[in-house]
Amino acid sequence: MHDDIYIMVVGGHSKNTELLARTLEAAGYRVERRTNLPGDGNDLPALLIYDTISPAPGLCSALESYVRAGTKVMVFLPRPSPSIEHLCREKGVHAIFSKPISRAQLLEWTALLLKGG
């Protein structure tokens, strides 16, 4: 069980966002679902997963504050986007994927990032 590890899954009401959250919950993680990033910065998660259907350049800057606070950040894009991927890497985002990703890959990357990878 990983119920002491807090993970925030941010995204719309898409099937992918729900699949990400359910997969992590089934693995024993404590998951909070959100439709947008909280502005207060309280109770920072160990891992923030941002699932977007329409990435914008400002997304990476919005995630940078979480990276600086010590949260591991994973981003899911609807399709490869070299410019967004480059911006996110510059802001310190730890992992960037284009959909889809398998459940096994999600759990493997989650464990890797939480271990400090």
PDB file of N, CA and C in Angstrom:
ATOM      1  N   MET A   1       0.834  -1.196   0.000  1.00  0.00           N
ATOM      2  CA  MET A   1       0.000   0.000   0.000  1.00  0.00           C
ATOM      3  C   MET A   1       0.871   1.248   0.000  1.00  0.00           C
ATOM      4  N   HIS A   2       0.398   2.238  -0.693  1.00  0.00           N
ATOM      5  CA  HIS A   2       1.090   3.520  -0.793  1.00  0.00           C
ATOM      6  C   HIS A   2       0.174   4.642  -0.318  1.00  0.00           C
ATOM      7  N   ASP A   3      -0.784   4.361   0.547  1.00  0.00           N
ATOM      8  CA  ASP A   3      -1.808   5.354   0.885  1.00  0.00           C
ATOM      9  C   ASP A   3      -1.263   6.568   1.626  1.00  0.00           C
ATOM     10  N   ASP A   4       0.022   6.532   1.995  1.00  0.00           N
ATOM     11  CA  ASP A   4       0.635   7.703   2.618  1.00  0.00           C
ATOM     12  C   ASP A   4       1.204   8.652   1.575  1.00  0.00           C
ATOM     13  N   ILE A   5       1.146   8.256   0.300  1.00  0.00           N
ATOM     14  CA  ILE A   5       1.668   9.080  -0.785  1.00  0.00           C
ATOM     15  C   ILE A   5       0.505   9.774  -1.496  1.00  0.00           C
ATOM     16  N   TYR A   6       0.563  11.097  -1.509  1.00  0.00           N
ATOM     17  CA  TYR A   6      -0.505  11.925  -2.080  1.00  0.00           C
ATOM     18  C   TYR A   6      -0.169  12.289  -3.514  1.00  0.00           C
ATOM     19  N   ILE A   7      -1.057  11.907  -4.431  1.00  0.00           N
ATOM     20  CA  ILE A   7      -0.896  12.212  -5.853  1.00  0.00           C
ATOM     21  C   ILE A   7      -2.101  13.020  -6.314  1.00  0.00           C
ATOM     22  N   MET A   8      -1.837  14.100  -7.038  1.00  0.00           N
ATOM     23  CA  MET A   8      -2.914  14.913  -7.597  1.00  0.00           C
ATOM     24  C   MET A   8      -2.967  14.674  -9.107  1.00  0.00           C
ATOM     25  N   VAL A   9      -4.149  14.299  -9.590  1.00  0.00           N
ATOM     26  CA  VAL A   9      -4.359  14.117 -11.025  1.00  0.00           C
ATOM     27  C   VAL A   9      -5.243  15.264 -11.499  1.00  0.00           C
ATOM     28  N   VAL A  10      -4.689  16.105 -12.374  1.00  0.00           N
ATOM     29  CA  VAL A  10      -5.401  17.276 -12.859  1.00  0.00           C
ATOM     30  C   VAL A  10      -5.735  17.079 -14.332  1.00  0.00           C
ATOM     31  N   GLY A  11      -6.996  17.268 -14.655  1.00  0.00           N
ATOM     32  CA  GLY A  11      -7.429  17.149 -16.044  1.00  0.00           C
ATOM     33  C   GLY A  11      -8.928  17.335 -16.117  1.00  0.00           C
ATOM     34  N   GLY A  12      -9.422  17.334 -17.316  1.00  0.00           N
ATOM     35  CA  GLY A  12     -10.864  17.462 -17.508  1.00  0.00           C
ATOM     36  C   GLY A  12     -11.571  16.184 -17.115  1.00  0.00           C
ATOM     37  N   HIS A  13     -12.750  16.051 -17.559  1.00  0.00           N
ATOM     38  CA  HIS A  13     -13.526  14.850 -17.244  1.00  0.00           C
ATOM     39  C   HIS A  13     -13.363  13.821 -18.355  1.00  0.00           C
ATOM     40  N   SER A  14     -12.123  13.590 -18.764  1.00  0.00           N
ATOM     41  CA  SER A  14     -11.859  12.667 -19.860  1.00  0.00           C
ATOM     42  C   SER A  14     -11.683  11.243 -19.352  1.00  0.00           C
ATOM     43  N   LYS A  15     -11.829  10.307 -20.258  1.00  0.00           N
ATOM     44  CA  LYS A  15     -11.608   8.896 -19.917  1.00  0.00           C
ATOM     45  C   LYS A  15     -10.160   8.665 -19.506  1.00  0.00           C
ATOM     46  N   ASN A  16      -9.229   9.363 -20.166  1.00  0.00           N
ATOM     47  CA  ASN A  16      -7.823   9.183 -19.842  1.00  0.00           C
ATOM     48  C   ASN A  16      -7.512   9.651 -18.420  1.00  0.00           C
ATOM     49  N   THR A  17      -8.018  10.813 -18.040  1.00  0.00           N
ATOM     50  CA  THR A  17      -7.785  11.334 -16.693  1.00  0.00           C
ATOM     51  C   THR A  17      -8.340  10.359 -15.657  1.00  0.00           C
ATOM     52  N   GLU A  18      -9.521   9.857 -15.891  1.00  0.00           N
ATOM     53  CA  GLU A  18     -10.145   8.913 -14.962  1.00  0.00           C
ATOM     54  C   GLU A  18      -9.354   7.606 -14.901  1.00  0.00           C
ATOM     55  N   LEU A  19      -8.869   7.137 -16.040  1.00  0.00           N
ATOM     56  CA  LEU A  19      -8.068   5.920 -16.071  1.00  0.00           C
ATOM     57  C   LEU A  19      -6.772   6.091 -15.291  1.00  0.00           C
ATOM     58  N   LEU A  20      -6.130   7.246 -15.442  1.00  0.00           N
ATOM     59  CA  LEU A  20      -4.915   7.519 -14.675  1.00  0.00           C
ATOM     60  C   LEU A  20      -5.198   7.455 -13.175  1.00  0.00           C
ATOM     61  N   ALA A  21      -6.239   8.147 -12.743  1.00  0.00           N
ATOM     62  CA  ALA A  21      -6.577   8.189 -11.312  1.00  0.00           C
ATOM     63  C   ALA A  21      -6.944   6.804 -10.790  1.00  0.00           C
ATOM     64  N   ARG A  22      -7.770   6.086 -11.505  1.00  0.00           N
ATOM     65  CA  ARG A  22      -8.195   4.750 -11.044  1.00  0.00           C
ATOM     66  C   ARG A  22      -7.030   3.773 -10.974  1.00  0.00           C
ATOM     67  N   THR A  23      -6.131   3.848 -11.937  1.00  0.00           N
ATOM     68  CA  THR A  23      -4.964   2.959 -11.931  1.00  0.00           C
ATOM     69  C   THR A  23      -4.115   3.200 -10.693  1.00  0.00           C
ATOM     70  N   LEU A  24      -3.900   4.455 -10.369  1.00  0.00           N
ATOM     71  CA  LEU A  24      -3.093   4.793  -9.191  1.00  0.00           C
ATOM     72  C   LEU A  24      -3.807   4.410  -7.901  1.00  0.00           C
ATOM     73  N   GLU A  25      -5.118   4.618  -7.847  1.00  0.00           N
ATOM     74  CA  GLU A  25      -5.889   4.215  -6.662  1.00  0.00           C
ATOM     75  C   GLU A  25      -5.844   2.703  -6.476  1.00  0.00           C
ATOM     76  N   ALA A  26      -5.951   1.960  -7.564  1.00  0.00           N
ATOM     77  CA  ALA A  26      -5.913   0.497  -7.482  1.00  0.00           C
ATOM     78  C   ALA A  26      -4.556   0.007  -6.972  1.00  0.00           C
ATOM     79  N   ALA A  27      -3.510   0.796  -7.230  1.00  0.00           N
ATOM     80  CA  ALA A  27      -2.175   0.447  -6.747  1.00  0.00           C
ATOM     81  C   ALA A  27      -1.963   0.882  -5.297  1.00  0.00           C
ATOM     82  N   GLY A  28      -2.972   1.541  -4.698  1.00  0.00           N
ATOM     83  CA  GLY A  28      -2.906   1.905  -3.294  1.00  0.00           C
ATOM     84  C   GLY A  28      -2.497   3.337  -2.993  1.00  0.00           C
ATOM     85  N   TYR A  29      -2.362   4.165  -4.023  1.00  0.00           N
ATOM     86  CA  TYR A  29      -1.999   5.565  -3.790  1.00  0.00           C
ATOM     87  C   TYR A  29      -3.226   6.377  -3.387  1.00  0.00           C
ATOM     88  N   ARG A  30      -2.994   7.436  -2.618  1.00  0.00           N
ATOM     89  CA  ARG A  30      -4.052   8.382  -2.256  1.00  0.00           C
ATOM     90  C   ARG A  30      -4.116   9.429  -3.362  1.00  0.00           C
ATOM     91  N   VAL A  31      -5.233   9.449  -4.099  1.00  0.00           N
ATOM     92  CA  VAL A  31      -5.353  10.282  -5.293  1.00  0.00           C
ATOM     93  C   VAL A  31      -6.446  11.322  -5.115  1.00  0.00           C
ATOM     94  N   GLU A  32      -6.120  12.550  -5.498  1.00  0.00           N
ATOM     95  CA  GLU A  32      -7.118  13.610  -5.560  1.00  0.00           C
ATOM     96  C   GLU A  32      -7.279  13.991  -7.019  1.00  0.00           C
ATOM     97  N   ARG A  33      -8.533  14.028  -7.480  1.00  0.00           N
ATOM     98  CA  ARG A  33      -8.832  14.452  -8.844  1.00  0.00           C
ATOM     99  C   ARG A  33      -9.203  15.933  -8.819  1.00  0.00           C
ATOM    100  N   ARG A  34      -8.673  16.682  -9.785  1.00  0.00           N
ATOM    101  CA  ARG A  34      -8.996  18.104  -9.903  1.00  0.00           C
ATOM    102  C   ARG A  34      -9.183  18.434 -11.371  1.00  0.00           C
ATOM    103  N   THR A  35      -9.995  19.451 -11.641  1.00  0.00           N
ATOM    104  CA  THR A  35     -10.173  19.882 -13.018  1.00  0.00           C
ATOM    105  C   THR A  35      -9.236  21.033 -13.376  1.00  0.00           C
ATOM    106  N   ASN A  36      -8.591  21.626 -12.372  1.00  0.00           N
ATOM    107  CA  ASN A  36      -7.607  22.672 -12.640  1.00  0.00           C
ATOM    108  C   ASN A  36      -6.591  22.709 -11.512  1.00  0.00           C
ATOM    109  N   LEU A  37      -5.508  23.402 -11.750  1.00  0.00           N
ATOM    110  CA  LEU A  37      -4.464  23.515 -10.733  1.00  0.00           C
ATOM    111  C   LEU A  37      -4.937  24.418  -9.608  1.00  0.00           C
ATOM    112  N   PRO A  38      -4.751  23.994  -8.360  1.00  0.00           N
ATOM    113  CA  PRO A  38      -5.111  24.877  -7.254  1.00  0.00           C
ATOM    114  C   PRO A  38      -4.140  26.049  -7.196  1.00  0.00           C
ATOM    115  N   GLY A  39      -4.641  27.195  -6.812  1.00  0.00           N
ATOM    116  CA  GLY A  39      -3.810  28.386  -6.775  1.00  0.00           C
ATOM    117  C   GLY A  39      -3.133  28.629  -5.443  1.00  0.00           C
ATOM    118  N   ASP A  40      -3.559  27.918  -4.399  1.00  0.00           N
ATOM    119  CA  ASP A  40      -3.053  28.222  -3.067  1.00  0.00           C
ATOM    120  C   ASP A  40      -1.708  27.580  -2.742  1.00  0.00           C
ATOM    121  N   GLY A  41      -1.382  26.439  -3.349  1.00  0.00           N
ATOM    122  CA  GLY A  41      -0.111  25.794  -3.081  1.00  0.00           C
ATOM    123  C   GLY A  41      -0.048  25.074  -1.751  1.00  0.00           C
ATOM    124  N   ASN A  42      -1.176  24.937  -1.063  1.00  0.00           N
ATOM    125  CA  ASN A  42      -1.200  24.209   0.199  1.00  0.00           C
ATOM    126  C   ASN A  42      -1.276  22.713  -0.063  1.00  0.00           C
ATOM    127  N   ASP A  43      -0.756  21.926   0.869  1.00  0.00           N
ATOM    128  CA  ASP A  43      -0.816  20.470   0.801  1.00  0.00           C
ATOM    129  C   ASP A  43      -0.317  19.972  -0.557  1.00  0.00           C
ATOM    130  N   LEU A  44       0.941  20.263  -0.844  1.00  0.00           N
ATOM    131  CA  LEU A  44       1.523  19.880  -2.125  1.00  0.00           C
ATOM    132  C   LEU A  44       1.610  18.365  -2.258  1.00  0.00           C
ATOM    133  N   PRO A  45       1.265  17.855  -3.435  1.00  0.00           N
ATOM    134  CA  PRO A  45       1.352  16.412  -3.647  1.00  0.00           C
ATOM    135  C   PRO A  45       2.796  15.969  -3.852  1.00  0.00           C
ATOM    136  N   ALA A  46       3.053  14.680  -3.630  1.00  0.00           N
ATOM    137  CA  ALA A  46       4.364  14.117  -3.951  1.00  0.00           C
ATOM    138  C   ALA A  46       4.529  14.059  -5.462  1.00  0.00           C
ATOM    139  N   LEU A  47       3.406  13.824  -6.163  1.00  0.00           N
ATOM    140  CA  LEU A  47       3.410  13.731  -7.617  1.00  0.00           C
ATOM    141  C   LEU A  47       2.183  14.439  -8.166  1.00  0.00           C
ATOM    142  N   LEU A  48       2.395  15.275  -9.159  1.00  0.00           N
ATOM    143  CA  LEU A  48       1.306  15.954  -9.858  1.00  0.00           C
ATOM    144  C   LEU A  48       1.283  15.421 -11.277  1.00  0.00           C
ATOM    145  N   ILE A  49       0.128  14.898 -11.687  1.00  0.00           N
ATOM    146  CA  ILE A  49      -0.044  14.422 -13.053  1.00  0.00           C
ATOM    147  C   ILE A  49      -1.019  15.363 -13.735  1.00  0.00           C
ATOM    148  N   TYR A  50      -0.559  15.986 -14.814  1.00  0.00           N
ATOM    149  CA  TYR A  50      -1.396  16.936 -15.545  1.00  0.00           C
ATOM    150  C   TYR A  50      -1.745  16.311 -16.889  1.00  0.00           C
ATOM    151  N   ASP A  51      -3.020  16.081 -17.104  1.00  0.00           N
ATOM    152  CA  ASP A  51      -3.532  15.462 -18.324  1.00  0.00           C
ATOM    153  C   ASP A  51      -4.274  16.529 -19.112  1.00  0.00           C
ATOM    154  N   THR A  52      -3.754  16.891 -20.278  1.00  0.00           N
ATOM    155  CA  THR A  52      -4.355  17.985 -21.037  1.00  0.00           C
ATOM    156  C   THR A  52      -4.804  17.528 -22.419  1.00  0.00           C
ATOM    157  N   ILE A  53      -5.893  18.117 -22.884  1.00  0.00           N
ATOM    158  CA  ILE A  53      -6.340  17.834 -24.250  1.00  0.00           C
ATOM    159  C   ILE A  53      -5.948  18.965 -25.201  1.00  0.00           C
ATOM    160  N   SER A  54      -5.598  20.123 -24.645  1.00  0.00           N
ATOM    161  CA  SER A  54      -5.189  21.249 -25.498  1.00  0.00           C
ATOM    162  C   SER A  54      -4.061  22.008 -24.804  1.00  0.00           C
ATOM    163  N   PRO A  55      -2.827  21.523 -24.977  1.00  0.00           N
ATOM    164  CA  PRO A  55      -1.705  22.177 -24.296  1.00  0.00           C
ATOM    165  C   PRO A  55      -1.442  23.578 -24.813  1.00  0.00           C
ATOM    166  N   ALA A  56      -1.086  24.442 -23.913  1.00  0.00           N
ATOM    167  CA  ALA A  56      -0.728  25.819 -24.249  1.00  0.00           C
ATOM    168  C   ALA A  56       0.639  26.104 -23.641  1.00  0.00           C
ATOM    169  N   PRO A  57       1.416  27.002 -24.245  1.00  0.00           N
ATOM    170  CA  PRO A  57       2.748  27.305 -23.717  1.00  0.00           C
ATOM    171  C   PRO A  57       2.748  27.710 -22.238  1.00  0.00           C
ATOM    172  N   GLY A  58       1.708  28.362 -21.749  1.00  0.00           N
ATOM    173  CA  GLY A  58       1.645  28.777 -20.349  1.00  0.00           C
ATOM    174  C   GLY A  58       1.542  27.618 -19.373  1.00  0.00           C
ATOM    175  N   LEU A  59       1.174  26.447 -19.857  1.00  0.00           N
ATOM    176  CA  LEU A  59       1.044  25.270 -19.001  1.00  0.00           C
ATOM    177  C   LEU A  59       2.347  24.983 -18.264  1.00  0.00           C
ATOM    178  N   CYS A  60       3.448  25.007 -18.979  1.00  0.00           N
ATOM    179  CA  CYS A  60       4.736  24.655 -18.390  1.00  0.00           C
ATOM    180  C   CYS A  60       5.140  25.637 -17.290  1.00  0.00           C
ATOM    181  N   SER A  61       4.890  26.908 -17.501  1.00  0.00           N
ATOM    182  CA  SER A  61       5.198  27.908 -16.473  1.00  0.00           C
ATOM    183  C   SER A  61       4.336  27.705 -15.238  1.00  0.00           C
ATOM    184  N   ALA A  62       3.078  27.335 -15.434  1.00  0.00           N
ATOM    185  CA  ALA A  62       2.181  27.086 -14.299  1.00  0.00           C
ATOM    186  C   ALA A  62       2.663  25.899 -13.474  1.00  0.00           C
ATOM    187  N   LEU A  63       3.271  24.927 -14.116  1.00  0.00           N
ATOM    188  CA  LEU A  63       3.751  23.741 -13.402  1.00  0.00           C
ATOM    189  C   LEU A  63       5.095  23.968 -12.716  1.00  0.00           C
ATOM    190  N   GLU A  64       5.813  24.995 -13.140  1.00  0.00           N
ATOM    191  CA  GLU A  64       7.145  25.255 -12.604  1.00  0.00           C
ATOM    192  C   GLU A  64       7.144  25.476 -11.086  1.00  0.00           C
ATOM    193  N   SER A  65       6.116  26.119 -10.556  1.00  0.00           N
ATOM    194  CA  SER A  65       6.078  26.368  -9.115  1.00  0.00           C
ATOM    195  C   SER A  65       5.989  25.060  -8.330  1.00  0.00           C
ATOM    196  N   TYR A  66       5.310  24.082  -8.886  1.00  0.00           N
ATOM    197  CA  TYR A  66       5.253  22.768  -8.227  1.00  0.00           C
ATOM    198  C   TYR A  66       6.616  22.094  -8.246  1.00  0.00           C
ATOM    199  N   VAL A  67       7.302  22.180  -9.380  1.00  0.00           N
ATOM    200  CA  VAL A  67       8.642  21.598  -9.494  1.00  0.00           C
ATOM    201  C   VAL A  67       9.576  22.234  -8.460  1.00  0.00           C
ATOM    202  N   ARG A  68       9.548  23.570  -8.365  1.00  0.00           N
ATOM    203  CA  ARG A  68      10.416  24.270  -7.405  1.00  0.00           C
ATOM    204  C   ARG A  68      10.093  23.905  -5.962  1.00  0.00           C
ATOM    205  N   ALA A  69       8.830  23.565  -5.688  1.00  0.00           N
ATOM    206  CA  ALA A  69       8.420  23.202  -4.325  1.00  0.00           C
ATOM    207  C   ALA A  69       8.748  21.746  -3.990  1.00  0.00           C
ATOM    208  N   GLY A  70       9.291  21.015  -4.958  1.00  0.00           N
ATOM    209  CA  GLY A  70       9.701  19.640  -4.688  1.00  0.00           C
ATOM    210  C   GLY A  70       8.736  18.571  -5.168  1.00  0.00           C
ATOM    211  N   THR A  71       7.660  18.969  -5.819  1.00  0.00           N
ATOM    212  CA  THR A  71       6.702  18.006  -6.357  1.00  0.00           C
ATOM    213  C   THR A  71       7.230  17.464  -7.677  1.00  0.00           C
ATOM    214  N   LYS A  72       7.141  16.165  -7.855  1.00  0.00           N
ATOM    215  CA  LYS A  72       7.464  15.555  -9.149  1.00  0.00           C
ATOM    216  C   LYS A  72       6.279  15.822 -10.068  1.00  0.00           C
ATOM    217  N   VAL A  73       6.545  16.162 -11.323  1.00  0.00           N
ATOM    218  CA  VAL A  73       5.475  16.528 -12.252  1.00  0.00           C
ATOM    219  C   VAL A  73       5.559  15.677 -13.518  1.00  0.00           C
ATOM    220  N   MET A  74       4.407  15.111 -13.875  1.00  0.00           N
ATOM    221  CA  MET A  74       4.260  14.298 -15.074  1.00  0.00           C
ATOM    222  C   MET A  74       3.166  14.930 -15.924  1.00  0.00           C
ATOM    223  N   VAL A  75       3.408  15.090 -17.226  1.00  0.00           N
ATOM    224  CA  VAL A  75       2.447  15.716 -18.121  1.00  0.00           C
ATOM    225  C   VAL A  75       2.066  14.731 -19.227  1.00  0.00           C
ATOM    226  N   PHE A  76       0.767  14.689 -19.512  1.00  0.00           N
ATOM    227  CA  PHE A  76       0.257  13.886 -20.627  1.00  0.00           C
ATOM    228  C   PHE A  76      -0.303  14.822 -21.681  1.00  0.00           C
ATOM    229  N   LEU A  77       0.237  14.710 -22.884  1.00  0.00           N
ATOM    230  CA  LEU A  77      -0.204  15.518 -24.020  1.00  0.00           C
ATOM    231  C   LEU A  77      -1.060  14.653 -24.950  1.00  0.00           C
ATOM    232  N   PRO A  78      -1.986  15.258 -25.681  1.00  0.00           N
ATOM    233  CA  PRO A  78      -2.846  14.475 -26.575  1.00  0.00           C
ATOM    234  C   PRO A  78      -2.092  13.915 -27.783  1.00  0.00           C
ATOM    235  N   ARG A  79      -1.005  14.556 -28.137  1.00  0.00           N
ATOM    236  CA  ARG A  79      -0.186  14.119 -29.271  1.00  0.00           C
ATOM    237  C   ARG A  79       1.200  14.742 -29.068  1.00  0.00           C
ATOM    238  N   PRO A  80       2.211  14.214 -29.735  1.00  0.00           N
ATOM    239  CA  PRO A  80       3.543  14.812 -29.590  1.00  0.00           C
ATOM    240  C   PRO A  80       3.521  16.302 -29.960  1.00  0.00           C
ATOM    241  N   SER A  81       4.209  17.094 -29.167  1.00  0.00           N
ATOM    242  CA  SER A  81       4.314  18.527 -29.410  1.00  0.00           C
ATOM    243  C   SER A  81       5.718  18.973 -28.992  1.00  0.00           C
ATOM    244  N   PRO A  82       6.671  18.922 -29.929  1.00  0.00           N
ATOM    245  CA  PRO A  82       8.053  19.254 -29.572  1.00  0.00           C
ATOM    246  C   PRO A  82       8.214  20.602 -28.882  1.00  0.00           C
ATOM    247  N   SER A  83       7.451  21.612 -29.291  1.00  0.00           N
ATOM    248  CA  SER A  83       7.616  22.933 -28.673  1.00  0.00           C
ATOM    249  C   SER A  83       7.145  22.928 -27.214  1.00  0.00           C
ATOM    250  N   ILE A  84       6.000  22.301 -26.940  1.00  0.00           N
ATOM    251  CA  ILE A  84       5.502  22.214 -25.560  1.00  0.00           C
ATOM    252  C   ILE A  84       6.435  21.339 -24.724  1.00  0.00           C
ATOM    253  N   GLU A  85       6.868  20.221 -25.286  1.00  0.00           N
ATOM    254  CA  GLU A  85       7.777  19.327 -24.567  1.00  0.00           C
ATOM    255  C   GLU A  85       9.062  20.068 -24.192  1.00  0.00           C
ATOM    256  N   HIS A  86       9.599  20.847 -25.116  1.00  0.00           N
ATOM    257  CA  HIS A  86      10.825  21.617 -24.855  1.00  0.00           C
ATOM    258  C   HIS A  86      10.596  22.631 -23.727  1.00  0.00           C
ATOM    259  N   LEU A  87       9.489  23.365 -23.796  1.00  0.00           N
ATOM    260  CA  LEU A  87       9.181  24.346 -22.748  1.00  0.00           C
ATOM    261  C   LEU A  87       9.037  23.668 -21.386  1.00  0.00           C
ATOM    262  N   CYS A  88       8.345  22.531 -21.350  1.00  0.00           N
ATOM    263  CA  CYS A  88       8.156  21.832 -20.074  1.00  0.00           C
ATOM    264  C   CYS A  88       9.492  21.336 -19.516  1.00  0.00           C
ATOM    265  N   ARG A  89      10.345  20.823 -20.377  1.00  0.00           N
ATOM    266  CA  ARG A  89      11.663  20.373 -19.908  1.00  0.00           C
ATOM    267  C   ARG A  89      12.464  21.551 -19.345  1.00  0.00           C
ATOM    268  N   GLU A  90      12.384  22.704 -20.004  1.00  0.00           N
ATOM    269  CA  GLU A  90      13.083  23.896 -19.504  1.00  0.00           C
ATOM    270  C   GLU A  90      12.583  24.296 -18.121  1.00  0.00           C
ATOM    271  N   LYS A  91      11.311  24.061 -17.834  1.00  0.00           N
ATOM    272  CA  LYS A  91      10.713  24.428 -16.544  1.00  0.00           C
ATOM    273  C   LYS A  91      10.885  23.338 -15.498  1.00  0.00           C
ATOM    274  N   GLY A  92      11.522  22.220 -15.878  1.00  0.00           N
ATOM    275  CA  GLY A  92      11.834  21.175 -14.907  1.00  0.00           C
ATOM    276  C   GLY A  92      10.839  20.046 -14.798  1.00  0.00           C
ATOM    277  N   VAL A  93       9.847  19.980 -15.694  1.00  0.00           N
ATOM    278  CA  VAL A  93       8.882  18.879 -15.658  1.00  0.00           C
ATOM    279  C   VAL A  93       9.656  17.569 -15.797  1.00  0.00           C
ATOM    280  N   HIS A  94       9.319  16.592 -14.963  1.00  0.00           N
ATOM    281  CA  HIS A  94      10.093  15.358 -14.853  1.00  0.00           C
ATOM    282  C   HIS A  94       9.799  14.325 -15.928  1.00  0.00           C
ATOM    283  N   ALA A  95       8.559  14.249 -16.404  1.00  0.00           N
ATOM    284  CA  ALA A  95       8.199  13.246 -17.412  1.00  0.00           C
ATOM    285  C   ALA A  95       7.085  13.801 -18.291  1.00  0.00           C
ATOM    286  N   ILE A  96       7.229  13.593 -19.602  1.00  0.00           N
ATOM    287  CA  ILE A  96       6.245  14.082 -20.568  1.00  0.00           C
ATOM    288  C   ILE A  96       5.892  12.926 -21.497  1.00  0.00           C
ATOM    289  N   PHE A  97       4.605  12.653 -21.618  1.00  0.00           N
ATOM    290  CA  PHE A  97       4.140  11.553 -22.462  1.00  0.00           C
ATOM    291  C   PHE A  97       3.083  12.045 -23.432  1.00  0.00           C
ATOM    292  N   SER A  98       3.049  11.410 -24.577  1.00  0.00           N
ATOM    293  CA  SER A  98       1.924  11.565 -25.486  1.00  0.00           C
ATOM    294  C   SER A  98       1.031  10.354 -25.243  1.00  0.00           C
ATOM    295  N   LYS A  99      -0.265  10.586 -25.241  1.00  0.00           N
ATOM    296  CA  LYS A  99      -1.209   9.508 -24.962  1.00  0.00           C
ATOM    297  C   LYS A  99      -1.192   8.514 -26.109  1.00  0.00           C
ATOM    298  N   PRO A 100      -1.476   7.283 -25.909  1.00  0.00           N
ATOM    299  CA  PRO A 100      -1.804   6.647 -24.636  1.00  0.00           C
ATOM    300  C   PRO A 100      -0.559   6.080 -23.958  1.00  0.00           C
ATOM    301  N   ILE A 101      -0.720   5.713 -22.706  1.00  0.00           N
ATOM    302  CA  ILE A 101       0.324   5.047 -21.932  1.00  0.00           C
ATOM    303  C   ILE A 101      -0.340   3.852 -21.260  1.00  0.00           C
ATOM    304  N   SER A 102       0.388   2.766 -21.150  1.00  0.00           N
ATOM    305  CA  SER A 102      -0.194   1.573 -20.523  1.00  0.00           C
ATOM    306  C   SER A 102      -0.236   1.745 -19.009  1.00  0.00           C
ATOM    307  N   ARG A 103      -1.049   0.958 -18.369  1.00  0.00           N
ATOM    308  CA  ARG A 103      -1.118   1.007 -16.896  1.00  0.00           C
ATOM    309  C   ARG A 103       0.223   0.636 -16.285  1.00  0.00           C
ATOM    310  N   ALA A 104       0.858  -0.377 -16.874  1.00  0.00           N
ATOM    311  CA  ALA A 104       2.166  -0.802 -16.363  1.00  0.00           C
ATOM    312  C   ALA A 104       3.191   0.326 -16.472  1.00  0.00           C
ATOM    313  N   GLN A 105       3.197   1.032 -17.610  1.00  0.00           N
ATOM    314  CA  GLN A 105       4.121   2.156 -17.773  1.00  0.00           C
ATOM    315  C   GLN A 105       3.826   3.259 -16.769  1.00  0.00           C
ATOM    316  N   LEU A 106       2.543   3.563 -16.548  1.00  0.00           N
ATOM    317  CA  LEU A 106       2.170   4.596 -15.582  1.00  0.00           C
ATOM    318  C   LEU A 106       2.689   4.249 -14.196  1.00  0.00           C
ATOM    319  N   LEU A 107       2.473   3.023 -13.770  1.00  0.00           N
ATOM    320  CA  LEU A 107       2.916   2.609 -12.437  1.00  0.00           C
ATOM    321  C   LEU A 107       4.442   2.574 -12.342  1.00  0.00           C
ATOM    322  N   GLU A 108       5.087   2.162 -13.406  1.00  0.00           N
ATOM    323  CA  GLU A 108       6.545   2.131 -13.424  1.00  0.00           C
ATOM    324  C   GLU A 108       7.125   3.547 -13.312  1.00  0.00           C
ATOM    325  N   TRP A 109       6.605   4.481 -14.089  1.00  0.00           N
ATOM    326  CA  TRP A 109       7.085   5.866 -14.035  1.00  0.00           C
ATOM    327  C   TRP A 109       6.729   6.525 -12.709  1.00  0.00           C
ATOM    328  N   THR A 110       5.563   6.224 -12.170  1.00  0.00           N
ATOM    329  CA  THR A 110       5.174   6.774 -10.872  1.00  0.00           C
ATOM    330  C   THR A 110       6.167   6.340  -9.804  1.00  0.00           C
ATOM    331  N   ALA A 111       6.456   5.056  -9.762  1.00  0.00           N
ATOM    332  CA  ALA A 111       7.404   4.535  -8.774  1.00  0.00           C
ATOM    333  C   ALA A 111       8.786   5.141  -8.973  1.00  0.00           C
ATOM    334  N   LEU A 112       9.219   5.254 -10.212  1.00  0.00           N
ATOM    335  CA  LEU A 112      10.527   5.822 -10.516  1.00  0.00           C
ATOM    336  C   LEU A 112      10.633   7.274 -10.044  1.00  0.00           C
ATOM    337  N   LEU A 113       9.626   8.077 -10.366  1.00  0.00           N
ATOM    338  CA  LEU A 113       9.658   9.487  -9.967  1.00  0.00           C
ATOM    339  C   LEU A 113       9.589   9.656  -8.455  1.00  0.00           C
ATOM    340  N   LEU A 114       8.766   8.848  -7.807  1.00  0.00           N
ATOM    341  CA  LEU A 114       8.639   8.972  -6.354  1.00  0.00           C
ATOM    342  C   LEU A 114       9.905   8.528  -5.628  1.00  0.00           C
ATOM    343  N   LYS A 115      10.697   7.686  -6.269  1.00  0.00           N
ATOM    344  CA  LYS A 115      11.980   7.267  -5.683  1.00  0.00           C
ATOM    345  C   LYS A 115      13.062   8.313  -5.911  1.00  0.00           C
ATOM    346  N   GLY A 116      12.745   9.320  -6.703  1.00  0.00           N
ATOM    347  CA  GLY A 116      13.716  10.379  -6.936  1.00  0.00           C
ATOM    348  C   GLY A 116      14.324  10.357  -8.321  1.00  0.00           C
ATOM    349  N   GLY A 117      13.776   9.534  -9.204  1.00  0.00           N
ATOM    350  CA  GLY A 117      14.316   9.418 -10.571  1.00  0.00           C
ATOM    351  C   GLY A 117      13.910  10.533 -11.465  1.00  0.00           C
TER     352      GLY A 117
END
